[in-house]
Amino acid sequence: MKWVILIVVVLAGYVRLAPSDPARWHRAVEGDADRIGEGSVVRLAAVDLAALDQVARNWPRTSVLAGSVAEGRVTYITRSAFWGFPDYTTVETRPDGVAIYARLRFGRRDFGVNGKRVAGWLDALQ
């Protein structure tokens, strides 16, 4: 039983403390259409990056990993409440609004969490 507890503590620590490399996560959003993957979502929206940035910065457990509105691309980390699993969301300016790419770091499926967060960000602008 002690080993199980130790393994859980080590894994929880790794999930929360593993470094997030901006070179890996702060990249251009690929594609020109909405799409849903097993652990990701891409959305194109006719909204302003600066307004969406304010929503994202005020979202629970969300912080900026890299980029800025002035740069035209921002990548955020949003962590789950209990375990602290990181999800990465990159938002970049496009000629007709923004492209948003939200994806998980650990695992294969996100159970719709990224899509719900992106929808929540967009709904907050309405």
Protein backbone atom coordinates (compact mmCIF):
# COMPACT_ATOMS: atom_id res chain seq x y z
CA MET A 1 0.00 0.00 0.00
CA LYS A 2 2.89 2.38 0.76
CA TRP A 3 4.22 1.89 -2.78
CA VAL A 4 0.88 2.80 -4.30
CA ILE A 5 0.73 6.01 -2.28
CA LEU A 6 4.32 6.83 -3.19
CA ILE A 7 3.65 6.26 -6.90
CA VAL A 8 0.53 8.47 -6.80
CA VAL A 9 2.45 11.25 -5.03
CA VAL A 10 5.34 11.07 -7.52
CA LEU A 11 3.01 11.10 -10.54
CA ALA A 12 0.99 13.99 -9.12
CA GLY A 13 4.20 15.92 -8.51
CA TYR A 14 5.42 15.26 -12.04
CA VAL A 15 2.13 16.39 -13.59
CA ARG A 16 2.21 19.65 -11.63
CA LEU A 17 5.94 20.38 -11.82
CA ALA A 18 7.00 19.16 -15.28
CA PRO A 19 8.38 22.12 -17.25
CA SER A 20 6.41 23.47 -20.20
CA ASP A 21 8.71 24.23 -23.12
CA PRO A 22 7.40 27.22 -25.11
CA ALA A 23 9.27 25.97 -28.20
CA ARG A 24 7.08 22.86 -28.14
CA TRP A 25 3.70 24.42 -27.32
CA HIS A 26 3.79 28.00 -28.66
CA ARG A 27 3.50 27.22 -32.37
CA ALA A 28 1.36 28.39 -35.25
CA VAL A 29 -2.16 26.99 -35.41
CA GLU A 30 -2.42 24.70 -38.42
CA GLY A 31 -5.52 24.40 -40.55
CA ASP A 32 -8.27 26.63 -41.82
CA ALA A 33 -11.35 24.82 -40.53
CA ASP A 34 -12.86 23.79 -37.20
CA ARG A 35 -11.92 20.26 -36.13
CA ILE A 36 -12.23 18.05 -33.08
CA GLY A 37 -9.62 15.43 -32.21
CA GLU A 38 -9.38 12.88 -29.40
CA GLY A 39 -7.49 15.30 -27.18
CA SER A 40 -7.76 18.57 -29.06
CA VAL A 41 -9.97 21.09 -30.77
CA VAL A 42 -9.36 23.77 -33.39
CA ARG A 43 -11.85 26.64 -33.72
CA LEU A 44 -11.87 29.63 -36.01
CA ALA A 45 -13.81 32.59 -34.67
CA ALA A 46 -14.52 36.14 -35.79
CA VAL A 47 -13.41 37.71 -32.52
CA ASP A 48 -10.67 40.10 -31.43
CA LEU A 49 -7.49 38.59 -29.97
CA ALA A 50 -7.20 41.29 -27.30
CA ALA A 51 -10.74 40.65 -26.06
CA LEU A 52 -10.22 36.88 -26.03
CA ASP A 53 -6.92 37.38 -24.20
CA GLN A 54 -8.75 39.16 -21.37
CA VAL A 55 -11.22 36.28 -21.06
CA ALA A 56 -8.43 33.68 -21.06
CA ARG A 57 -6.34 35.53 -18.47
CA ASN A 58 -9.34 35.65 -16.13
CA TRP A 59 -10.28 31.98 -16.65
CA PRO A 60 -9.73 29.76 -13.58
CA ARG A 61 -6.29 28.13 -13.30
CA THR A 62 -5.10 29.71 -16.56
CA SER A 63 -1.82 31.53 -17.17
CA VAL A 64 0.21 32.68 -20.16
CA LEU A 65 3.01 30.36 -21.29
CA ALA A 66 4.32 32.48 -24.15
CA GLY A 67 3.45 35.20 -26.61
CA SER A 68 1.41 38.38 -26.47
CA VAL A 69 -1.42 40.18 -28.16
CA ALA A 70 1.14 42.49 -29.80
CA GLU A 71 2.93 39.43 -31.22
CA GLY A 72 -0.38 38.13 -32.59
CA ARG A 73 -0.14 34.76 -30.84
CA VAL A 74 -0.58 33.76 -27.19
CA THR A 75 -0.33 30.29 -25.66
CA TYR A 76 -2.03 29.63 -22.32
CA ILE A 77 -1.79 26.78 -19.83
CA THR A 78 -4.99 25.77 -18.05
CA ARG A 79 -4.67 23.21 -15.27
CA SER A 80 -7.35 20.82 -14.03
CA ALA A 81 -8.58 21.57 -10.53
CA PHE A 82 -7.65 18.37 -8.69
CA TRP A 83 -4.63 16.80 -10.41
CA GLY A 84 -3.31 19.90 -12.14
CA PHE A 85 -3.14 18.32 -15.59
CA PRO A 86 -1.99 21.00 -18.06
CA ASP A 87 -3.85 21.77 -21.27
CA TYR A 88 -2.37 24.20 -23.77
CA THR A 89 -4.39 26.66 -25.82
CA THR A 90 -2.80 28.72 -28.57
CA VAL A 91 -4.74 31.66 -29.99
CA GLU A 92 -3.45 33.55 -33.00
CA THR A 93 -4.68 36.37 -35.17
CA ARG A 94 -6.03 35.53 -38.62
CA PRO A 95 -7.32 37.96 -41.26
CA ASP A 96 -10.95 37.30 -40.27
CA GLY A 97 -10.53 36.81 -36.50
CA VAL A 98 -8.57 34.20 -34.57
CA ALA A 99 -7.60 30.56 -34.76
CA ILE A 100 -7.70 28.64 -31.47
CA TYR A 101 -5.93 25.32 -30.89
CA ALA A 102 -6.54 23.67 -27.51
CA ARG A 103 -4.90 20.34 -26.66
CA LEU A 104 -3.90 18.11 -23.81
CA ARG A 105 -0.38 17.26 -22.73
CA PHE A 106 -0.87 13.94 -20.96
CA GLY A 107 -3.07 11.09 -22.13
CA ARG A 108 -4.98 10.45 -25.33
CA ARG A 109 -8.48 11.77 -24.63
CA ASP A 110 -9.63 14.92 -22.94
CA PHE A 111 -13.33 13.97 -22.61
CA GLY A 112 -14.31 17.23 -24.32
CA VAL A 113 -12.63 19.48 -21.75
CA ASN A 114 -10.69 21.54 -24.31
CA GLY A 115 -13.73 22.04 -26.52
CA LYS A 116 -15.84 23.13 -23.55
CA ARG A 117 -13.19 25.61 -22.42
CA VAL A 118 -12.86 27.13 -25.90
CA ALA A 119 -16.65 27.36 -26.19
CA GLY A 120 -16.74 29.02 -22.76
CA TRP A 121 -14.14 31.59 -23.81
CA LEU A 122 -16.10 32.40 -26.96
CA ASP A 123 -19.42 32.51 -25.11
CA ALA A 124 -17.93 34.97 -22.63
CA LEU A 125 -17.37 37.40 -25.51
CA GLN A 126 -21.05 37.39 -26.53
